[in-house]
């Protein structure tokens, strides 16, 4: 089942922990989490964005997770800024590597 299609009228809190071991030496490249057939699309961040738009979700916790800006505003989305009308708690701890196998910080 795809993440965006999960629905529950009573789903109020969601927590996802996604641990990956990054190389300790930043001269090495971390692995890419993107599909080889679509190397410019971060499907996980897009799915989490769609899932976070649930009208009943009040708490979203993601830690630590490999994400991109598409978690907050996916490409090819309407020009209307995203909104989380019911969300009271939004906690994200992002990994130091990007979904395409690069580093956020050097």
PDB file of N, CA and C in Angstrom:
ATOM      1  N   UNK A   1       0.851  -1.174   0.000  1.00  0.00           N
ATOM      2  CA  UNK A   1       0.000   0.000   0.000  1.00  0.00           C
ATOM      3  C   UNK A   1       0.897   1.237   0.000  1.00  0.00           C
ATOM      4  N   UNK A   2       0.598   2.173  -0.836  1.00  0.00           N
ATOM      5  CA  UNK A   2       1.377   3.404  -0.914  1.00  0.00           C
ATOM      6  C   UNK A   2       1.048   4.305   0.272  1.00  0.00           C
ATOM      7  N   UNK A   3       2.052   4.992   0.763  1.00  0.00           N
ATOM      8  CA  UNK A   3       1.879   5.864   1.926  1.00  0.00           C
ATOM      9  C   UNK A   3       0.785   6.905   1.746  1.00  0.00           C
ATOM     10  N   UNK A   4       0.692   7.612   0.598  1.00  0.00           N
ATOM     11  CA  UNK A   4      -0.346   8.639   0.480  1.00  0.00           C
ATOM     12  C   UNK A   4      -1.766   8.078   0.503  1.00  0.00           C
ATOM     13  N   UNK A   5      -1.925   6.785   0.220  1.00  0.00           N
ATOM     14  CA  UNK A   5      -3.282   6.233   0.186  1.00  0.00           C
ATOM     15  C   UNK A   5      -3.729   5.698   1.539  1.00  0.00           C
ATOM     16  N   UNK A   6      -2.852   5.688   2.526  1.00  0.00           N
ATOM     17  CA  UNK A   6      -3.246   5.257   3.855  1.00  0.00           C
ATOM     18  C   UNK A   6      -4.147   6.315   4.450  1.00  0.00           C
ATOM     19  N   UNK A   7      -5.295   5.904   4.892  1.00  0.00           N
ATOM     20  CA  UNK A   7      -6.193   6.870   5.516  1.00  0.00           C
ATOM     21  C   UNK A   7      -6.896   6.214   6.689  1.00  0.00           C
ATOM     22  N   UNK A   8      -7.151   7.012   7.665  1.00  0.00           N
ATOM     23  CA  UNK A   8      -7.872   6.554   8.841  1.00  0.00           C
ATOM     24  C   UNK A   8      -8.566   7.765   9.436  1.00  0.00           C
ATOM     25  N   UNK A   9      -9.850   7.654   9.697  1.00  0.00           N
ATOM     26  CA  UNK A   9     -10.543   8.812  10.254  1.00  0.00           C
ATOM     27  C   UNK A   9     -10.030   9.203  11.635  1.00  0.00           C
ATOM     28  N   UNK A  10      -9.319   8.302  12.293  1.00  0.00           N
ATOM     29  CA  UNK A  10      -8.852   8.616  13.642  1.00  0.00           C
ATOM     30  C   UNK A  10      -7.334   8.800  13.730  1.00  0.00           C
ATOM     31  N   UNK A  11      -6.637   8.810  12.603  1.00  0.00           N
ATOM     32  CA  UNK A  11      -5.188   8.960  12.626  1.00  0.00           C
ATOM     33  C   UNK A  11      -4.832  10.378  13.037  1.00  0.00           C
ATOM     34  N   UNK A  12      -4.283  10.525  14.228  1.00  0.00           N
ATOM     35  CA  UNK A  12      -3.929  11.842  14.728  1.00  0.00           C
ATOM     36  C   UNK A  12      -2.432  12.038  14.848  1.00  0.00           C
ATOM     37  N   UNK A  13      -1.692  10.959  15.126  1.00  0.00           N
ATOM     38  CA  UNK A  13      -0.247  11.054  15.323  1.00  0.00           C
ATOM     39  C   UNK A  13       0.455  10.048  14.429  1.00  0.00           C
ATOM     40  N   UNK A  14       1.593  10.471  13.875  1.00  0.00           N
ATOM     41  CA  UNK A  14       2.377   9.591  13.017  1.00  0.00           C
ATOM     42  C   UNK A  14       3.847   9.825  13.308  1.00  0.00           C
ATOM     43  N   UNK A  15       4.589   8.745  13.542  1.00  0.00           N
ATOM     44  CA  UNK A  15       6.027   8.814  13.781  1.00  0.00           C
ATOM     45  C   UNK A  15       6.712   7.821  12.851  1.00  0.00           C
ATOM     46  N   UNK A  16       7.765   8.282  12.195  1.00  0.00           N
ATOM     47  CA  UNK A  16       8.562   7.430  11.330  1.00  0.00           C
ATOM     48  C   UNK A  16      10.023   7.636  11.671  1.00  0.00           C
ATOM     49  N   UNK A  17      10.709   6.561  11.976  1.00  0.00           N
ATOM     50  CA  UNK A  17      12.152   6.598  12.201  1.00  0.00           C
ATOM     51  C   UNK A  17      12.798   5.815  11.075  1.00  0.00           C
ATOM     52  N   UNK A  18      13.754   6.421  10.429  1.00  0.00           N
ATOM     53  CA  UNK A  18      14.404   5.845   9.255  1.00  0.00           C
ATOM     54  C   UNK A  18      15.906   6.011   9.429  1.00  0.00           C
ATOM     55  N   UNK A  19      16.531   5.009  10.000  1.00  0.00           N
ATOM     56  CA  UNK A  19      17.956   5.100  10.295  1.00  0.00           C
ATOM     57  C   UNK A  19      18.771   4.513   9.162  1.00  0.00           C
ATOM     58  N   UNK A  20      19.822   5.210   8.802  1.00  0.00           N
ATOM     59  CA  UNK A  20      20.790   4.684   7.840  1.00  0.00           C
ATOM     60  C   UNK A  20      22.164   5.090   8.345  1.00  0.00           C
ATOM     61  N   UNK A  21      23.105   4.234   8.154  1.00  0.00           N
ATOM     62  CA  UNK A  21      24.464   4.546   8.579  1.00  0.00           C
ATOM     63  C   UNK A  21      25.179   5.294   7.464  1.00  0.00           C
ATOM     64  N   UNK A  22      25.511   6.535   7.718  1.00  0.00           N
ATOM     65  CA  UNK A  22      26.273   7.317   6.754  1.00  0.00           C
ATOM     66  C   UNK A  22      27.753   7.007   6.924  1.00  0.00           C
ATOM     67  N   UNK A  23      28.508   7.084   5.830  1.00  0.00           N
ATOM     68  CA  UNK A  23      29.951   6.906   5.965  1.00  0.00           C
ATOM     69  C   UNK A  23      30.512   7.961   6.920  1.00  0.00           C
ATOM     70  N   UNK A  24      31.449   7.575   7.746  1.00  0.00           N
ATOM     71  CA  UNK A  24      32.048   8.515   8.691  1.00  0.00           C
ATOM     72  C   UNK A  24      32.993   9.492   7.995  1.00  0.00           C
ATOM     73  N   UNK A  25      33.424   9.139   6.814  1.00  0.00           N
ATOM     74  CA  UNK A  25      34.331   9.971   6.050  1.00  0.00           C
ATOM     75  C   UNK A  25      33.538  10.651   4.942  1.00  0.00           C
ATOM     76  N   UNK A  26      33.420  11.968   4.986  1.00  0.00           N
ATOM     77  CA  UNK A  26      32.595  12.655   4.003  1.00  0.00           C
ATOM     78  C   UNK A  26      33.267  12.788   2.638  1.00  0.00           C
ATOM     79  N   UNK A  27      34.425  12.180   2.468  1.00  0.00           N
ATOM     80  CA  UNK A  27      35.015  12.093   1.147  1.00  0.00           C
ATOM     81  C   UNK A  27      34.383  10.961   0.361  1.00  0.00           C
ATOM     82  N   UNK A  28      33.656  10.095   1.072  1.00  0.00           N
ATOM     83  CA  UNK A  28      32.904   9.020   0.430  1.00  0.00           C
ATOM     84  C   UNK A  28      31.496   9.537   0.158  1.00  0.00           C
ATOM     85  N   UNK A  29      30.868   8.996  -0.848  1.00  0.00           N
ATOM     86  CA  UNK A  29      29.500   9.405  -1.155  1.00  0.00           C
ATOM     87  C   UNK A  29      28.513   8.463  -0.484  1.00  0.00           C
ATOM     88  N   UNK A  30      27.478   9.022   0.155  1.00  0.00           N
ATOM     89  CA  UNK A  30      26.439   8.166   0.706  1.00  0.00           C
ATOM     90  C   UNK A  30      25.623   7.552  -0.433  1.00  0.00           C
ATOM     91  N   UNK A  31      24.914   6.481  -0.182  1.00  0.00           N
ATOM     92  CA  UNK A  31      24.129   5.860  -1.249  1.00  0.00           C
ATOM     93  C   UNK A  31      22.936   6.734  -1.642  1.00  0.00           C
ATOM     94  N   UNK A  32      22.526   6.619  -2.867  1.00  0.00           N
ATOM     95  CA  UNK A  32      21.349   7.339  -3.348  1.00  0.00           C
ATOM     96  C   UNK A  32      20.099   6.575  -2.910  1.00  0.00           C
ATOM     97  N   UNK A  33      19.077   7.314  -2.490  1.00  0.00           N
ATOM     98  CA  UNK A  33      17.798   6.712  -2.114  1.00  0.00           C
ATOM     99  C   UNK A  33      16.763   6.896  -3.220  1.00  0.00           C
ATOM    100  N   UNK A  34      17.211   7.384  -4.368  1.00  0.00           N
ATOM    101  CA  UNK A  34      16.292   7.644  -5.473  1.00  0.00           C
ATOM    102  C   UNK A  34      16.254   6.462  -6.431  1.00  0.00           C
ATOM    103  N   UNK A  35      15.149   6.345  -7.129  1.00  0.00           N
ATOM    104  CA  UNK A  35      15.020   5.276  -8.118  1.00  0.00           C
ATOM    105  C   UNK A  35      15.901   5.577  -9.328  1.00  0.00           C
ATOM    106  N   UNK A  36      16.643   4.593  -9.830  1.00  0.00           N
ATOM    107  CA  UNK A  36      17.490   4.835 -11.009  1.00  0.00           C
ATOM    108  C   UNK A  36      16.674   5.320 -12.215  1.00  0.00           C
ATOM    109  N   UNK A  37      15.426   4.888 -12.311  1.00  0.00           N
ATOM    110  CA  UNK A  37      14.589   5.289 -13.447  1.00  0.00           C
ATOM    111  C   UNK A  37      14.092   6.733 -13.333  1.00  0.00           C
ATOM    112  N   UNK A  38      14.115   7.296 -12.111  1.00  0.00           N
ATOM    113  CA  UNK A  38      13.683   8.678 -11.887  1.00  0.00           C
ATOM    114  C   UNK A  38      14.645   9.353 -10.907  1.00  0.00           C
ATOM    115  N   UNK A  39      15.876   9.621 -11.336  1.00  0.00           N
ATOM    116  CA  UNK A  39      16.899  10.112 -10.413  1.00  0.00           C
ATOM    117  C   UNK A  39      16.697  11.537  -9.904  1.00  0.00           C
ATOM    118  N   UNK A  40      15.695  12.246 -10.388  1.00  0.00           N
ATOM    119  CA  UNK A  40      15.471  13.607  -9.900  1.00  0.00           C
ATOM    120  C   UNK A  40      14.202  13.722  -9.056  1.00  0.00           C
ATOM    121  N   UNK A  41      13.573  12.594  -8.718  1.00  0.00           N
ATOM    122  CA  UNK A  41      12.335  12.617  -7.944  1.00  0.00           C
ATOM    123  C   UNK A  41      12.528  11.925  -6.604  1.00  0.00           C
ATOM    124  N   UNK A  42      12.266  12.648  -5.542  1.00  0.00           N
ATOM    125  CA  UNK A  42      12.341  12.085  -4.192  1.00  0.00           C
ATOM    126  C   UNK A  42      10.950  11.575  -3.808  1.00  0.00           C
ATOM    127  N   UNK A  43      10.695  10.325  -4.110  1.00  0.00           N
ATOM    128  CA  UNK A  43       9.367   9.751  -3.893  1.00  0.00           C
ATOM    129  C   UNK A  43       8.986   9.693  -2.410  1.00  0.00           C
ATOM    130  N   UNK A  44       9.941   9.432  -1.546  1.00  0.00           N
ATOM    131  CA  UNK A  44       9.623   9.354  -0.122  1.00  0.00           C
ATOM    132  C   UNK A  44       9.160  10.712   0.405  1.00  0.00           C
ATOM    133  N   UNK A  45       9.887  11.776   0.099  1.00  0.00           N
ATOM    134  CA  UNK A  45       9.487  13.105   0.569  1.00  0.00           C
ATOM    135  C   UNK A  45       8.143  13.517  -0.018  1.00  0.00           C
ATOM    136  N   UNK A  46       7.913  13.199  -1.287  1.00  0.00           N
ATOM    137  CA  UNK A  46       6.629  13.529  -1.919  1.00  0.00           C
ATOM    138  C   UNK A  46       5.488  12.758  -1.259  1.00  0.00           C
ATOM    139  N   UNK A  47       5.719  11.482  -0.950  1.00  0.00           N
ATOM    140  CA  UNK A  47       4.678  10.672  -0.309  1.00  0.00           C
ATOM    141  C   UNK A  47       4.400  11.167   1.110  1.00  0.00           C
ATOM    142  N   UNK A  48       5.464  11.521   1.839  1.00  0.00           N
ATOM    143  CA  UNK A  48       5.265  12.042   3.192  1.00  0.00           C
ATOM    144  C   UNK A  48       4.546  13.388   3.168  1.00  0.00           C
ATOM    145  N   UNK A  49       4.816  14.205   2.166  1.00  0.00           N
ATOM    146  CA  UNK A  49       4.101  15.474   2.019  1.00  0.00           C
ATOM    147  C   UNK A  49       2.603  15.205   1.820  1.00  0.00           C
ATOM    148  N   UNK A  50       2.270  14.323   0.878  1.00  0.00           N
ATOM    149  CA  UNK A  50       0.863  14.011   0.604  1.00  0.00           C
ATOM    150  C   UNK A  50       0.196  13.435   1.849  1.00  0.00           C
ATOM    151  N   UNK A  51       0.895  12.560   2.531  1.00  0.00           N
ATOM    152  CA  UNK A  51       0.358  11.956   3.752  1.00  0.00           C
ATOM    153  C   UNK A  51       0.143  13.009   4.833  1.00  0.00           C
ATOM    154  N   UNK A  52       1.043  13.983   4.922  1.00  0.00           N
ATOM    155  CA  UNK A  52       0.950  15.002   5.973  1.00  0.00           C
ATOM    156  C   UNK A  52      -0.217  15.963   5.766  1.00  0.00           C
ATOM    157  N   UNK A  53      -0.827  15.932   4.601  1.00  0.00           N
ATOM    158  CA  UNK A  53      -1.960  16.804   4.324  1.00  0.00           C
ATOM    159  C   UNK A  53      -3.272  16.248   4.880  1.00  0.00           C
ATOM    160  N   UNK A  54      -3.220  15.135   5.586  1.00  0.00           N
ATOM    161  CA  UNK A  54      -4.413  14.521   6.172  1.00  0.00           C
ATOM    162  C   UNK A  54      -5.156  15.526   7.051  1.00  0.00           C
ATOM    163  N   UNK A  55      -6.449  15.521   6.952  1.00  0.00           N
ATOM    164  CA  UNK A  55      -7.253  16.480   7.721  1.00  0.00           C
ATOM    165  C   UNK A  55      -7.333  16.140   9.202  1.00  0.00           C
ATOM    166  N   UNK A  56      -6.892  14.952   9.593  1.00  0.00           N
ATOM    167  CA  UNK A  56      -6.960  14.569  11.004  1.00  0.00           C
ATOM    168  C   UNK A  56      -5.599  14.529  11.686  1.00  0.00           C
ATOM    169  N   UNK A  57      -4.517  14.678  10.930  1.00  0.00           N
ATOM    170  CA  UNK A  57      -3.173  14.557  11.486  1.00  0.00           C
ATOM    171  C   UNK A  57      -2.829  15.770  12.345  1.00  0.00           C
ATOM    172  N   UNK A  58      -2.551  15.534  13.618  1.00  0.00           N
ATOM    173  CA  UNK A  58      -2.202  16.627  14.535  1.00  0.00           C
ATOM    174  C   UNK A  58      -0.729  16.610  14.917  1.00  0.00           C
ATOM    175  N   UNK A  59      -0.056  15.458  14.738  1.00  0.00           N
ATOM    176  CA  UNK A  59       1.347  15.348  15.132  1.00  0.00           C
ATOM    177  C   UNK A  59       2.102  14.504  14.111  1.00  0.00           C
ATOM    178  N   UNK A  60       3.189  15.069  13.588  1.00  0.00           N
ATOM    179  CA  UNK A  60       4.035  14.376  12.627  1.00  0.00           C
ATOM    180  C   UNK A  60       5.471  14.430  13.130  1.00  0.00           C
ATOM    181  N   UNK A  61       6.074  13.261  13.329  1.00  0.00           N
ATOM    182  CA  UNK A  61       7.455  13.169  13.791  1.00  0.00           C
ATOM    183  C   UNK A  61       8.236  12.289  12.829  1.00  0.00           C
ATOM    184  N   UNK A  62       9.310  12.827  12.286  1.00  0.00           N
ATOM    185  CA  UNK A  62      10.186  12.097  11.372  1.00  0.00           C
ATOM    186  C   UNK A  62      11.607  12.250  11.881  1.00  0.00           C
ATOM    187  N   UNK A  63      12.263  11.136  12.251  1.00  0.00           N
ATOM    188  CA  UNK A  63      13.628  11.255  12.752  1.00  0.00           C
ATOM    189  C   UNK A  63      14.396   9.952  12.647  1.00  0.00           C
ATOM    190  N   UNK A  64      15.715  10.050  12.454  1.00  0.00           N
ATOM    191  CA  UNK A  64      16.338  10.917  11.476  1.00  0.00           C
ATOM    192  C   UNK A  64      15.976  10.381  10.109  1.00  0.00           C
ATOM    193  N   UNK A  65      15.810  11.219   9.156  1.00  0.00           N
ATOM    194  CA  UNK A  65      15.294  10.781   7.866  1.00  0.00           C
ATOM    195  C   UNK A  65      16.008  11.500   6.726  1.00  0.00           C
ATOM    196  N   UNK A  66      16.197  10.793   5.637  1.00  0.00           N
ATOM    197  CA  UNK A  66      16.795  11.358   4.433  1.00  0.00           C
ATOM    198  C   UNK A  66      15.656  11.988   3.640  1.00  0.00           C
ATOM    199  N   UNK A  67      15.626  13.320   3.628  1.00  0.00           N
ATOM    200  CA  UNK A  67      14.535  14.029   2.957  1.00  0.00           C
ATOM    201  C   UNK A  67      15.076  15.148   2.083  1.00  0.00           C
ATOM    202  N   UNK A  68      14.175  15.708   1.294  1.00  0.00           N
ATOM    203  CA  UNK A  68      14.503  16.855   0.454  1.00  0.00           C
ATOM    204  C   UNK A  68      13.453  17.937   0.697  1.00  0.00           C
ATOM    205  N   UNK A  69      13.626  19.105   0.112  1.00  0.00           N
ATOM    206  CA  UNK A  69      12.619  20.156   0.267  1.00  0.00           C
ATOM    207  C   UNK A  69      11.225  19.744  -0.217  1.00  0.00           C
ATOM    208  N   UNK A  70      11.131  18.665  -0.994  1.00  0.00           N
ATOM    209  CA  UNK A  70       9.823  18.202  -1.462  1.00  0.00           C
ATOM    210  C   UNK A  70       8.921  17.743  -0.314  1.00  0.00           C
ATOM    211  N   UNK A  71       9.489  17.535   0.851  1.00  0.00           N
ATOM    212  CA  UNK A  71       8.668  17.211   2.020  1.00  0.00           C
ATOM    213  C   UNK A  71       7.727  18.367   2.339  1.00  0.00           C
ATOM    214  N   UNK A  72       8.163  19.584   2.040  1.00  0.00           N
ATOM    215  CA  UNK A  72       7.368  20.766   2.368  1.00  0.00           C
ATOM    216  C   UNK A  72       6.662  21.389   1.168  1.00  0.00           C
ATOM    217  N   UNK A  73       7.243  21.278  -0.012  1.00  0.00           N
ATOM    218  CA  UNK A  73       6.619  21.853  -1.186  1.00  0.00           C
ATOM    219  C   UNK A  73       7.110  21.096  -2.418  1.00  0.00           C
ATOM    220  N   UNK A  74       6.400  20.036  -2.796  1.00  0.00           N
ATOM    221  CA  UNK A  74       6.839  19.225  -3.930  1.00  0.00           C
ATOM    222  C   UNK A  74       6.864  20.014  -5.239  1.00  0.00           C
ATOM    223  N   UNK A  75       7.797  19.638  -6.104  1.00  0.00           N
ATOM    224  CA  UNK A  75       7.808  20.218  -7.437  1.00  0.00           C
ATOM    225  C   UNK A  75       6.537  19.762  -8.147  1.00  0.00           C
ATOM    226  N   UNK A  76       6.121  20.510  -9.122  1.00  0.00           N
ATOM    227  CA  UNK A  76       4.897  20.224  -9.876  1.00  0.00           C
ATOM    228  C   UNK A  76       3.640  20.273  -9.010  1.00  0.00           C
ATOM    229  N   UNK A  77       3.687  21.000  -7.910  1.00  0.00           N
ATOM    230  CA  UNK A  77       2.495  21.150  -7.072  1.00  0.00           C
ATOM    231  C   UNK A  77       1.844  22.491  -7.390  1.00  0.00           C
ATOM    232  N   UNK A  78       0.608  22.673  -6.991  1.00  0.00           N
ATOM    233  CA  UNK A  78      -0.048  23.954  -7.256  1.00  0.00           C
ATOM    234  C   UNK A  78       0.744  25.111  -6.652  1.00  0.00           C
ATOM    235  N   UNK A  79       0.538  26.297  -7.187  1.00  0.00           N
ATOM    236  CA  UNK A  79       1.266  27.456  -6.688  1.00  0.00           C
ATOM    237  C   UNK A  79       0.761  27.914  -5.321  1.00  0.00           C
ATOM    238  N   UNK A  80      -0.347  27.373  -4.879  1.00  0.00           N
ATOM    239  CA  UNK A  80      -0.855  27.696  -3.552  1.00  0.00           C
ATOM    240  C   UNK A  80       0.085  27.101  -2.508  1.00  0.00           C
ATOM    241  N   UNK A  81       0.536  27.889  -1.559  1.00  0.00           N
ATOM    242  CA  UNK A  81       1.443  27.350  -0.542  1.00  0.00           C
ATOM    243  C   UNK A  81       0.786  26.211   0.241  1.00  0.00           C
ATOM    244  N   UNK A  82       1.566  25.201   0.585  1.00  0.00           N
ATOM    245  CA  UNK A  82       1.016  24.097   1.363  1.00  0.00           C
ATOM    246  C   UNK A  82       0.587  24.571   2.748  1.00  0.00           C
ATOM    247  N   UNK A  83      -0.350  23.857   3.320  1.00  0.00           N
ATOM    248  CA  UNK A  83      -0.841  24.197   4.660  1.00  0.00           C
ATOM    249  C   UNK A  83      -1.100  22.914   5.426  1.00  0.00           C
ATOM    250  N   UNK A  84      -0.946  22.987   6.710  1.00  0.00           N
ATOM    251  CA  UNK A  84      -1.209  21.864   7.592  1.00  0.00           C
ATOM    252  C   UNK A  84      -2.219  22.359   8.628  1.00  0.00           C
ATOM    253  N   UNK A  85      -3.502  22.376   8.280  1.00  0.00           N
ATOM    254  CA  UNK A  85      -4.509  23.039   9.111  1.00  0.00           C
ATOM    255  C   UNK A  85      -4.686  22.461  10.517  1.00  0.00           C
ATOM    256  N   UNK A  86      -4.510  21.180  10.693  1.00  0.00           N
ATOM    257  CA  UNK A  86      -4.732  20.563  12.008  1.00  0.00           C
ATOM    258  C   UNK A  86      -3.446  20.253  12.761  1.00  0.00           C
ATOM    259  N   UNK A  87      -2.309  20.313  12.081  1.00  0.00           N
ATOM    260  CA  UNK A  87      -1.044  19.908  12.692  1.00  0.00           C
ATOM    261  C   UNK A  87      -0.627  20.893  13.777  1.00  0.00           C
ATOM    262  N   UNK A  88      -0.410  20.351  14.960  1.00  0.00           N
ATOM    263  CA  UNK A  88       0.040  21.148  16.098  1.00  0.00           C
ATOM    264  C   UNK A  88       1.505  20.871  16.417  1.00  0.00           C
ATOM    265  N   UNK A  89       1.979  19.694  16.050  1.00  0.00           N
ATOM    266  CA  UNK A  89       3.360  19.279  16.331  1.00  0.00           C
ATOM    267  C   UNK A  89       3.954  18.750  15.033  1.00  0.00           C
ATOM    268  N   UNK A  90       5.033  19.372  14.593  1.00  0.00           N
ATOM    269  CA  UNK A  90       5.708  18.954  13.364  1.00  0.00           C
ATOM    270  C   UNK A  90       7.201  18.924  13.699  1.00  0.00           C
ATOM    271  N   UNK A  91       7.745  17.725  13.892  1.00  0.00           N
ATOM    272  CA  UNK A  91       9.138  17.589  14.314  1.00  0.00           C
ATOM    273  C   UNK A  91       9.877  16.743  13.284  1.00  0.00           C
ATOM    274  N   UNK A  92      10.908  17.329  12.679  1.00  0.00           N
ATOM    275  CA  UNK A  92      11.691  16.619  11.675  1.00  0.00           C
ATOM    276  C   UNK A  92      13.168  16.743  12.016  1.00  0.00           C
ATOM    277  N   UNK A  93      13.837  15.614  12.097  1.00  0.00           N
ATOM    278  CA  UNK A  93      15.294  15.577  12.231  1.00  0.00           C
ATOM    279  C   UNK A  93      15.796  14.966  10.928  1.00  0.00           C
ATOM    280  N   UNK A  94      16.496  15.769  10.146  1.00  0.00           N
ATOM    281  CA  UNK A  94      16.939  15.245   8.858  1.00  0.00           C
ATOM    282  C   UNK A  94      18.360  14.742   8.930  1.00  0.00           C
ATOM    283  N   UNK A  95      18.643  13.798   8.067  1.00  0.00           N
ATOM    284  CA  UNK A  95      19.951  13.179   7.962  1.00  0.00           C
ATOM    285  C   UNK A  95      20.921  14.167   7.300  1.00  0.00           C
ATOM    286  N   UNK A  96      22.206  13.925   7.431  1.00  0.00           N
ATOM    287  CA  UNK A  96      23.186  14.826   6.826  1.00  0.00           C
ATOM    288  C   UNK A  96      23.405  14.546   5.341  1.00  0.00           C
ATOM    289  N   UNK A  97      22.790  13.480   4.830  1.00  0.00           N
ATOM    290  CA  UNK A  97      22.921  13.187   3.407  1.00  0.00           C
ATOM    291  C   UNK A  97      21.612  13.493   2.681  1.00  0.00           C
ATOM    292  N   UNK A  98      21.737  13.788   1.402  1.00  0.00           N
ATOM    293  CA  UNK A  98      20.578  14.094   0.573  1.00  0.00           C
ATOM    294  C   UNK A  98      20.062  12.806  -0.072  1.00  0.00           C
ATOM    295  N   UNK A  99      18.824  12.791  -0.543  1.00  0.00           N
ATOM    296  CA  UNK A  99      18.301  11.590  -1.185  1.00  0.00           C
ATOM    297  C   UNK A  99      19.099  11.145  -2.413  1.00  0.00           C
ATOM    298  N   UNK A 100      19.752  12.097  -3.084  1.00  0.00           N
ATOM    299  CA  UNK A 100      20.497  11.711  -4.294  1.00  0.00           C
ATOM    300  C   UNK A 100      21.954  11.317  -4.026  1.00  0.00           C
ATOM    301  N   UNK A 101      22.313  11.138  -2.756  1.00  0.00           N
ATOM    302  CA  UNK A 101      23.636  10.646  -2.424  1.00  0.00           C
ATOM    303  C   UNK A 101      24.695  11.720  -2.280  1.00  0.00           C
ATOM    304  N   UNK A 102      24.308  12.900  -1.900  1.00  0.00           N
ATOM    305  CA  UNK A 102      25.251  13.989  -1.662  1.00  0.00           C
ATOM    306  C   UNK A 102      25.202  14.332  -0.172  1.00  0.00           C
ATOM    307  N   UNK A 103      25.970  15.328   0.231  1.00  0.00           N
ATOM    308  CA  UNK A 103      25.991  15.792   1.609  1.00  0.00           C
ATOM    309  C   UNK A 103      25.323  17.157   1.716  1.00  0.00           C
ATOM    310  N   UNK A 104      24.519  17.363   2.762  1.00  0.00           N
ATOM    311  CA  UNK A 104      23.977  18.698   3.010  1.00  0.00           C
ATOM    312  C   UNK A 104      25.076  19.630   3.513  1.00  0.00           C
ATOM    313  N   UNK A 105      25.973  19.098   4.331  1.00  0.00           N
ATOM    314  CA  UNK A 105      27.028  19.909   4.936  1.00  0.00           C
ATOM    315  C   UNK A 105      28.370  19.256   4.667  1.00  0.00           C
ATOM    316  N   UNK A 106      29.352  20.078   4.440  1.00  0.00           N
ATOM    317  CA  UNK A 106      30.722  19.554   4.256  1.00  0.00           C
ATOM    318  C   UNK A 106      31.622  20.144   5.302  1.00  0.00           C
TER     319      UNK A 106
END
